[in-house]
Amino acid sequence: MNWSCCCASARPELDSEMVPIASLRTSETEPQEDEDRMVASSGDRRPQALVRPPALRKLGMGLVAKITRTHAGEVLGLRLETFDAENVYIAAVAEGADAAGNLPAVCRYNQQAPERRRIRRGDYVWAVNGVHDAAAMQREMREAAELHLDIQRPVIINTEINARGETLVLPVTCCAGGATLVLTPSPQAAPALTERLGMRPGDRIVGVNDCSGSAIALLGGLRTSQGRVRIAVSRRPGRGG
């Protein structure tokens, strides 16, 4: 039984290599009683992937952060990932001064803001100075002296799957050096599977078992996983319903 993953992209800044994810073997232990019922309920005794119902966890409300640069060209201090025209994901936030001793603007904001209003890794930028287009937002963040960042906390979907002999395909794309894998539409992946996993195109895989922090680590986690697999997915609130 195989777990397959194809990595593709329509955006030039994204990795377009097709990456196979192989050999997610079924656990050797006997299935639990509730697992037997799940298979039997389908009316088909052939091995099927068993998916624990996805658990959604909201990481708080959004916020509007007002940031004023102290001088032209001051570094903002955010590492961003984009996939489409609407979603800008914060992959990293500066936590201190750079080698020259300069404090990035977001770092200065976070030091002064209460914990609940700080900008965090994993947040989404929904608007910048009233602009919602991803390219325009990034331009504002590079050039504007004063920024109003509309930040949304992510919804985290945790799911667990035991493939049980089924061949599974997850089509993903990733930025070079990125922190996440983005689920993309693909005829190779059955919509029923992604629905059972609680995933939608545009969602970001942020954890696979104990792997996180980089797209390479996540791909490695999928390649080497055996038996049960825990997947954590990040979604911007309000996207796709």
Protein backbone atom coordinates (compact mmCIF):
# COMPACT_ATOMS: atom_id res chain seq x y z
CA MET A 1 0.00 0.00 0.00
CA ASN A 2 1.30 3.42 -0.89
CA TRP A 3 0.86 6.99 0.24
CA SER A 4 1.59 9.23 -2.72
CA CYS A 5 2.06 12.96 -2.87
CA CYS A 6 2.64 15.09 -5.92
CA CYS A 7 4.23 18.50 -5.55
CA ALA A 8 3.31 20.94 -8.32
CA SER A 9 2.71 24.63 -8.82
CA ALA A 10 1.46 27.20 -11.26
CA ARG A 11 3.43 30.01 -9.59
CA PRO A 12 7.07 30.60 -10.59
CA GLU A 13 8.28 31.12 -7.02
CA LEU A 14 6.99 27.71 -5.96
CA ASP A 15 8.68 24.34 -6.23
CA SER A 16 7.24 22.52 -9.26
CA GLU A 17 8.96 19.15 -8.77
CA MET A 18 6.74 16.05 -8.67
CA VAL A 19 7.59 14.39 -5.37
CA PRO A 20 6.50 10.78 -4.71
CA ILE A 21 5.58 9.90 -1.14
CA ALA A 22 5.79 6.14 -0.77
CA SER A 23 5.29 3.18 1.55
CA LEU A 24 2.93 4.17 4.28
CA ARG A 25 2.48 0.61 5.57
CA THR A 26 -0.52 -0.61 7.51
CA SER A 27 -0.05 -1.33 11.21
CA GLU A 28 0.57 -5.00 11.98
CA THR A 29 -1.76 -4.93 15.00
CA GLU A 30 -5.32 -6.22 14.82
CA PRO A 31 -7.94 -3.58 14.02
CA GLN A 32 -9.92 -2.25 16.95
CA GLU A 33 -13.62 -3.07 17.24
CA ASP A 34 -14.70 0.42 16.23
CA GLU A 35 -12.47 0.18 13.16
CA ASP A 36 -14.21 -3.06 12.13
CA ARG A 37 -17.54 -1.30 12.36
CA MET A 38 -16.27 1.58 10.22
CA VAL A 39 -15.25 -0.81 7.45
CA ALA A 40 -18.42 -2.91 7.70
CA SER A 41 -20.67 0.12 7.50
CA SER A 42 -19.51 0.72 3.93
CA GLY A 43 -20.81 -2.68 2.83
CA ASP A 44 -17.37 -3.52 1.42
CA ARG A 45 -14.86 -5.66 3.34
CA ARG A 46 -11.91 -4.59 1.20
CA PRO A 47 -9.24 -2.63 3.10
CA GLN A 48 -10.10 1.05 3.35
CA ALA A 49 -8.30 3.99 4.86
CA LEU A 50 -9.69 4.76 8.29
CA VAL A 51 -9.94 8.43 9.14
CA ARG A 52 -10.60 9.80 12.59
CA PRO A 53 -13.14 12.66 12.32
CA PRO A 54 -11.20 15.92 11.94
CA ALA A 55 -10.98 18.10 15.04
CA LEU A 56 -11.10 21.87 14.43
CA ARG A 57 -9.38 24.26 16.81
CA LYS A 58 -9.58 28.05 16.48
CA LEU A 59 -6.52 29.87 17.77
CA GLY A 60 -8.26 33.07 18.85
CA MET A 61 -9.76 36.08 17.15
CA GLY A 62 -8.11 38.33 14.60
CA LEU A 63 -6.60 41.74 15.21
CA VAL A 64 -5.52 44.92 13.46
CA ALA A 65 -1.89 45.80 14.13
CA LYS A 66 -0.73 49.37 13.54
CA ILE A 67 2.97 49.49 12.70
CA THR A 68 4.96 52.64 11.93
CA ARG A 69 8.43 52.39 10.43
CA THR A 70 11.02 54.61 12.07
CA HIS A 71 12.82 55.23 8.77
CA ALA A 72 12.51 54.45 5.07
CA GLY A 73 13.55 50.94 4.20
CA GLU A 74 13.22 49.61 7.76
CA VAL A 75 12.90 45.83 7.70
CA LEU A 76 9.40 44.62 8.60
CA GLY A 77 10.49 41.30 10.09
CA LEU A 78 8.01 38.85 8.54
CA ARG A 79 8.72 35.89 6.26
CA LEU A 80 5.66 35.32 4.10
CA GLU A 81 4.32 32.53 1.89
CA THR A 82 1.64 33.04 -0.75
CA PHE A 83 -0.25 30.57 -2.89
CA ASP A 84 -3.18 32.45 -4.39
CA ALA A 85 -4.45 36.02 -4.66
CA GLU A 86 -5.96 36.07 -1.17
CA ASN A 87 -3.89 34.06 1.28
CA VAL A 88 -0.69 35.46 2.77
CA TYR A 89 0.72 33.12 5.42
CA ILE A 90 3.21 34.26 8.07
CA ALA A 91 5.89 31.55 8.07
CA ALA A 92 8.24 33.30 10.52
CA VAL A 93 8.36 36.39 12.74
CA ALA A 94 11.58 38.15 13.73
CA GLU A 95 12.23 37.88 17.47
CA GLY A 96 15.22 40.14 17.95
CA ALA A 97 17.71 42.55 16.42
CA ASP A 98 19.64 41.68 13.27
CA ALA A 99 23.43 41.37 13.06
CA ALA A 100 23.74 45.17 12.81
CA GLY A 101 21.67 45.65 15.95
CA ASN A 102 18.57 46.93 14.12
CA LEU A 103 15.19 45.87 15.48
CA PRO A 104 12.64 44.97 12.76
CA ALA A 105 9.37 46.88 12.88
CA VAL A 106 7.18 43.87 13.76
CA CYS A 107 9.58 42.82 16.49
CA ARG A 108 9.31 46.27 18.02
CA TYR A 109 5.50 46.11 17.77
CA ASN A 110 5.38 42.67 19.44
CA GLN A 111 7.58 43.80 22.32
CA GLN A 112 5.12 46.59 23.11
CA ALA A 113 1.85 44.70 22.47
CA PRO A 114 0.08 42.45 24.98
CA GLU A 115 0.39 38.72 24.29
CA ARG A 116 -3.09 38.36 22.79
CA ARG A 117 -2.38 41.10 20.21
CA ARG A 118 1.04 39.98 19.06
CA ILE A 119 1.66 38.84 15.49
CA ARG A 120 2.54 35.15 15.50
CA ARG A 121 4.04 32.60 13.18
CA GLY A 122 1.15 30.77 11.52
CA ASP A 123 -1.14 33.82 11.33
CA TYR A 124 -2.65 35.01 8.05
CA VAL A 125 -2.51 38.57 6.69
CA TRP A 126 -6.03 39.31 5.45
CA ALA A 127 -5.52 42.97 4.47
CA VAL A 128 -2.86 45.67 4.51
CA ASN A 129 -4.00 49.30 4.57
CA GLY A 130 -7.39 48.14 3.28
CA VAL A 131 -5.92 46.18 0.36
CA HIS A 132 -6.76 42.45 0.06
CA ASP A 133 -4.88 41.31 -3.06
CA ALA A 134 -1.79 39.28 -2.07
CA ALA A 135 0.61 41.03 -4.46
CA ALA A 136 -0.65 44.48 -3.46
CA MET A 137 -0.44 43.58 0.24
CA GLN A 138 3.18 42.55 -0.12
CA ARG A 139 3.96 45.76 -1.98
CA GLU A 140 2.40 47.80 0.84
CA MET A 141 4.43 45.86 3.40
CA ARG A 142 7.64 46.59 1.49
CA GLU A 143 7.04 50.28 0.80
CA ALA A 144 4.51 51.90 3.17
CA ALA A 145 5.77 53.91 6.14
CA GLU A 146 2.61 53.21 8.14
CA LEU A 147 0.88 49.85 8.08
CA HIS A 148 -2.48 48.63 9.28
CA LEU A 149 -2.23 44.84 9.17
CA ASP A 150 -5.49 42.91 9.41
CA ILE A 151 -4.33 39.64 10.98
CA GLN A 152 -6.39 36.45 11.25
CA ARG A 153 -5.55 33.61 13.58
CA PRO A 154 -5.63 30.20 11.86
CA VAL A 155 -8.11 27.40 12.26
CA ILE A 156 -6.14 24.19 12.91
CA ILE A 157 -7.63 20.90 11.70
CA ASN A 158 -6.13 17.78 13.27
CA THR A 159 -6.86 14.42 11.66
CA GLU A 160 -5.51 10.89 11.92
CA ILE A 161 -5.49 8.22 9.23
CA ASN A 162 -4.62 4.54 8.99
CA ALA A 163 -4.33 3.74 5.29
CA ARG A 164 -5.08 -0.04 5.65
CA GLY A 165 -3.84 -0.99 2.19
CA GLU A 166 -5.42 1.90 0.29
CA THR A 167 -3.29 3.96 -2.10
CA LEU A 168 -3.55 7.59 -1.04
CA VAL A 169 -2.59 10.67 -3.03
CA LEU A 170 -2.16 14.18 -1.66
CA PRO A 171 -1.26 16.83 -4.29
CA VAL A 172 0.76 19.59 -2.66
CA THR A 173 2.96 22.52 -3.62
CA CYS A 174 5.56 24.37 -1.60
CA CYS A 175 7.80 27.42 -1.75
CA ALA A 176 11.52 26.83 -2.02
CA GLY A 177 12.65 26.93 1.62
CA GLY A 178 9.01 27.09 2.71
CA ALA A 179 7.51 26.06 6.05
CA THR A 180 4.30 24.40 4.83
CA LEU A 181 2.78 22.20 2.13
CA VAL A 182 -0.25 23.63 0.31
CA LEU A 183 -2.97 21.28 -0.86
CA THR A 184 -3.76 21.85 -4.55
CA PRO A 185 -6.63 20.69 -6.78
CA SER A 186 -5.66 17.58 -8.73
CA PRO A 187 -7.45 14.79 -10.64
CA GLN A 188 -4.96 12.39 -9.00
CA ALA A 189 -6.52 12.96 -5.56
CA ALA A 190 -10.05 11.75 -4.94
CA PRO A 191 -12.20 14.57 -3.51
CA ALA A 192 -13.78 12.02 -1.15
CA LEU A 193 -10.39 11.40 0.48
CA THR A 194 -9.59 15.05 1.10
CA GLU A 195 -13.11 15.53 2.46
CA ARG A 196 -12.62 12.63 4.86
CA LEU A 197 -9.35 14.20 5.96
CA GLY A 198 -11.13 17.51 6.50
CA MET A 199 -8.92 19.20 3.89
CA ARG A 200 -9.67 21.63 1.05
CA PRO A 201 -7.48 22.99 -1.76
CA GLY A 202 -5.55 25.94 -0.37
CA ASP A 203 -5.21 24.43 3.12
CA ARG A 204 -1.68 24.24 4.53
CA ILE A 205 -0.20 21.11 6.06
CA VAL A 206 1.82 22.34 9.05
CA GLY A 207 2.49 19.08 10.88
CA VAL A 208 2.94 15.38 10.07
CA ASN A 209 3.33 13.26 13.21
CA ASP A 210 6.26 14.96 14.99
CA CYS A 211 7.55 16.75 11.88
CA SER A 212 7.02 20.51 11.42
CA GLY A 213 8.86 23.73 10.65
CA SER A 214 9.77 23.18 7.00
CA ALA A 215 8.25 21.76 3.83
CA ILE A 216 11.19 19.37 3.53
CA ALA A 217 10.56 18.00 7.02
CA LEU A 218 6.86 17.57 6.27
CA LEU A 219 7.58 15.72 3.02
CA GLY A 220 10.04 13.53 4.89
CA GLY A 221 7.40 12.81 7.51
CA LEU A 222 4.97 11.64 4.84
CA ARG A 223 7.63 9.51 3.16
CA THR A 224 8.66 7.70 6.33
CA SER A 225 5.31 7.39 8.11
CA GLN A 226 4.03 3.89 8.78
CA GLY A 227 0.62 2.81 10.03
CA ARG A 228 -1.28 5.67 11.66
CA VAL A 229 -0.46 9.20 10.54
CA ARG A 230 -1.40 12.44 12.32
CA ILE A 231 -1.77 15.46 10.05
CA ALA A 232 -2.23 19.07 11.23
CA VAL A 233 -3.69 21.50 8.70
CA SER A 234 -3.91 25.30 8.89
CA ARG A 235 -6.78 27.23 7.27
CA ARG A 236 -7.57 30.93 7.13
CA PRO A 237 -10.96 31.52 8.80
CA GLY A 238 -13.77 32.09 6.32
CA ARG A 239 -11.90 30.58 3.37
CA GLY A 240 -14.10 28.18 1.47
CA GLY A 241 -16.91 28.27 4.00
